[in-house]
Structures are given as structure tokens and as C-alpha cells.
């Protein structure tokens, strides 16, 4: 199944308007971002799924990840977002630990960022892929 992530400035606003069930991790704890917008076995008291998200996927349930991306709170409108997207980032900032540790997906991966030194969106996507456990063995290979 595909992994669908949807970014929001404040996911709680959307979740308050949407009937949903909260996904559960294999540890039995609440999944920080995962929800189901369809019925899934759940505890009616806390709305938490009674099966972990991997088991749920095996049974055909479809999980969505609603992410809080707080930077969006500073985006004024669609034109402002387009303007920001068209700016070339200061890519070298990613190699500075004090900067990269403030970023959602790359925090704690400064060694990899220093090694790969991404200078484009495609190269950053490659770094993000390498962070995933299934791809770590590719780090350092040509």
C-alpha cells in the first residue's frame, strides 16, 4: 500500500472536522501522525485502533499520516507559497548540525547530510531515502 503523508500547519484543526480513528504502533502506543478515515477495529473510549498499523494494512485498512509542519503557519497565501518555492535554498545550511537538527525529516542525520551535501531537491530526496532503514546500506555507494 502507498504511504500517504499530508502536511498541515495545524493538523488538529482538520482532525476536529473529520471523523477518524487513531492508528496504533506495534508497541501498542498511539501513532503520532497516523489516522484512519474509515472504520477500523478500535477502542470506543480513546478512539485508538486495537490493531497496530502493520496488521491493519495487512487486513486492507488504509492509513493516512497527517503531519504538523509548523512552517506553514508563516505562509500567507498560495502566491506567497509559490514565491517561497521558487527561491533557491541555501543548501549548505543542511550541513550545519545546529540548522539541520531543527528540520522535521533530517534532524539527527547531520553525518549523512555532510557526506551527501545535497544541492538540489533531487539530491535532498536521495538523502531522505537513505535515512529510511531499508536504504541505509546504500550510504557511501556510488
Protein backbone atom coordinates (compact mmCIF):
# COMPACT_ATOMS: atom_id res chain seq x y z
CA UNK A 1 0.00 0.00 0.00
CA UNK A 2 1.19 3.52 -0.62
CA UNK A 3 2.35 5.67 2.26
CA UNK A 4 0.36 8.90 2.11
CA UNK A 5 1.61 11.87 4.13
CA UNK A 6 -0.40 15.11 4.18
CA UNK A 7 1.15 18.25 5.66
CA UNK A 8 -0.80 20.80 7.69
CA UNK A 9 0.15 23.91 9.61
CA UNK A 10 -2.06 22.54 12.40
CA UNK A 11 -3.41 19.03 11.91
CA UNK A 12 -5.73 19.37 14.91
CA UNK A 13 -7.92 21.86 13.03
CA UNK A 14 -8.51 19.34 10.25
CA UNK A 15 -8.93 16.39 12.61
CA UNK A 16 -11.59 18.28 14.58
CA UNK A 17 -13.71 18.38 11.41
CA UNK A 18 -13.07 14.81 10.30
CA UNK A 19 -14.38 11.52 11.67
CA UNK A 20 -11.32 9.35 12.16
CA UNK A 21 -9.67 6.62 14.19
CA UNK A 22 -6.15 6.94 15.62
CA UNK A 23 -3.56 4.44 14.36
CA UNK A 24 -1.53 2.34 16.78
CA UNK A 25 2.17 1.43 16.68
CA UNK A 26 3.46 -2.12 17.11
CA UNK A 27 4.44 -1.15 20.67
CA UNK A 28 0.77 -0.55 21.46
CA UNK A 29 1.24 3.21 21.75
CA UNK A 30 -0.56 5.85 19.75
CA UNK A 31 0.88 6.57 16.30
CA UNK A 32 1.87 10.26 16.34
CA UNK A 33 0.51 11.06 12.88
CA UNK A 34 -1.42 8.05 11.57
CA UNK A 35 -5.20 8.03 11.25
CA UNK A 36 -7.92 6.04 9.51
CA UNK A 37 -10.86 7.82 7.93
CA UNK A 38 -12.68 4.52 7.56
CA UNK A 39 -13.79 2.10 10.25
CA UNK A 40 -11.04 0.03 11.80
CA UNK A 41 -11.29 -2.05 14.98
CA UNK A 42 -10.86 0.49 17.76
CA UNK A 43 -11.42 1.23 21.42
CA UNK A 44 -14.51 3.49 21.62
CA UNK A 45 -13.20 5.19 24.77
CA UNK A 46 -9.97 6.59 23.35
CA UNK A 47 -10.60 6.14 19.59
CA UNK A 48 -7.31 4.18 19.30
CA UNK A 49 -7.14 1.30 16.84
CA UNK A 50 -6.97 -2.08 18.58
CA UNK A 51 -4.60 -3.50 15.95
CA UNK A 52 -1.25 -1.99 15.01
CA UNK A 53 -0.90 -0.21 11.69
CA UNK A 54 1.05 -3.04 10.02
CA UNK A 55 -1.62 -5.59 10.89
CA UNK A 56 -4.27 -3.10 9.79
CA UNK A 57 -2.53 -2.70 6.43
CA UNK A 58 -2.34 -6.49 6.01
CA UNK A 59 -6.11 -6.57 6.59
CA UNK A 60 -6.73 -3.89 3.95
CA UNK A 61 -7.16 -0.79 6.10
CA UNK A 62 -5.73 2.40 4.65
CA UNK A 63 -3.75 4.70 6.97
CA UNK A 64 -3.06 8.36 6.30
CA UNK A 65 -0.35 10.36 8.05
CA UNK A 66 -1.49 13.89 8.92
CA UNK A 67 1.68 15.80 9.72
CA UNK A 68 2.13 19.08 11.57
CA UNK A 69 4.51 21.20 9.52
CA UNK A 70 4.60 24.36 11.56
CA UNK A 71 6.45 26.37 8.92
CA UNK A 72 3.16 26.56 7.01
CA UNK A 73 1.75 28.87 9.67
CA UNK A 74 4.02 31.59 8.23
CA UNK A 75 2.74 31.16 4.66
CA UNK A 76 0.29 33.95 3.94
CA UNK A 77 -1.41 32.58 0.83
CA UNK A 78 -0.87 30.50 -2.30
CA UNK A 79 1.08 33.26 -4.09
CA UNK A 80 3.43 33.56 -1.11
CA UNK A 81 3.94 29.77 -1.08
CA UNK A 82 4.75 29.82 -4.80
CA UNK A 83 7.24 32.64 -4.24
CA UNK A 84 8.94 30.66 -1.45
CA UNK A 85 9.05 27.50 -3.58
CA UNK A 86 10.73 29.36 -6.45
CA UNK A 87 13.59 30.63 -4.24
CA UNK A 88 16.83 28.66 -4.33
CA UNK A 89 17.55 27.43 -0.79
CA UNK A 90 20.91 27.90 0.91
CA UNK A 91 21.76 24.22 0.54
CA UNK A 92 24.97 24.48 2.56
CA UNK A 93 22.89 25.16 5.68
CA UNK A 94 21.87 21.49 5.67
CA UNK A 95 25.43 20.52 6.59
CA UNK A 96 25.33 22.61 9.77
CA UNK A 97 24.11 20.46 12.66
CA UNK A 98 22.50 23.35 14.57
CA UNK A 99 20.38 24.12 11.49
CA UNK A 100 19.55 20.61 10.24
CA UNK A 101 18.52 19.46 13.73
CA UNK A 102 15.65 21.94 13.56
CA UNK A 103 14.24 20.35 10.41
CA UNK A 104 11.50 17.75 10.67
CA UNK A 105 12.74 14.87 8.50
CA UNK A 106 16.52 15.32 8.68
CA UNK A 107 17.05 16.13 12.38
CA UNK A 108 19.69 13.81 13.80
CA UNK A 109 21.10 12.90 10.38
CA UNK A 110 23.84 15.52 10.12
CA UNK A 111 26.57 12.99 9.32
CA UNK A 112 24.64 11.80 6.26
CA UNK A 113 23.89 15.37 5.16
CA UNK A 114 27.58 16.29 5.45
CA UNK A 115 28.56 13.21 3.46
CA UNK A 116 26.00 13.67 0.68
CA UNK A 117 25.92 17.51 0.63
CA UNK A 118 22.62 17.87 -1.25
CA UNK A 119 22.50 20.82 -3.63
CA UNK A 120 19.15 20.18 -5.33
CA UNK A 121 15.69 18.90 -4.50
CA UNK A 122 16.51 15.58 -6.16
CA UNK A 123 19.68 15.17 -4.07
CA UNK A 124 17.76 16.04 -0.90
CA UNK A 125 15.17 13.40 -1.84
CA UNK A 126 18.03 10.89 -2.13
CA UNK A 127 19.19 11.86 1.38
CA UNK A 128 15.68 11.38 2.73
CA UNK A 129 15.53 7.94 1.11
CA UNK A 130 18.87 6.97 2.70
CA UNK A 131 17.50 7.85 6.15
CA UNK A 132 14.98 5.03 5.82
CA UNK A 133 16.23 1.74 7.33
CA UNK A 134 15.72 -0.24 4.11
CA UNK A 135 18.08 2.07 2.21
CA UNK A 136 20.83 2.72 4.80
CA UNK A 137 23.04 0.07 3.20
CA UNK A 138 23.33 2.30 0.13
CA UNK A 139 25.04 5.16 2.01
CA UNK A 140 28.54 5.73 0.64
CA UNK A 141 27.96 3.73 -2.54
CA UNK A 142 28.40 5.44 -5.92
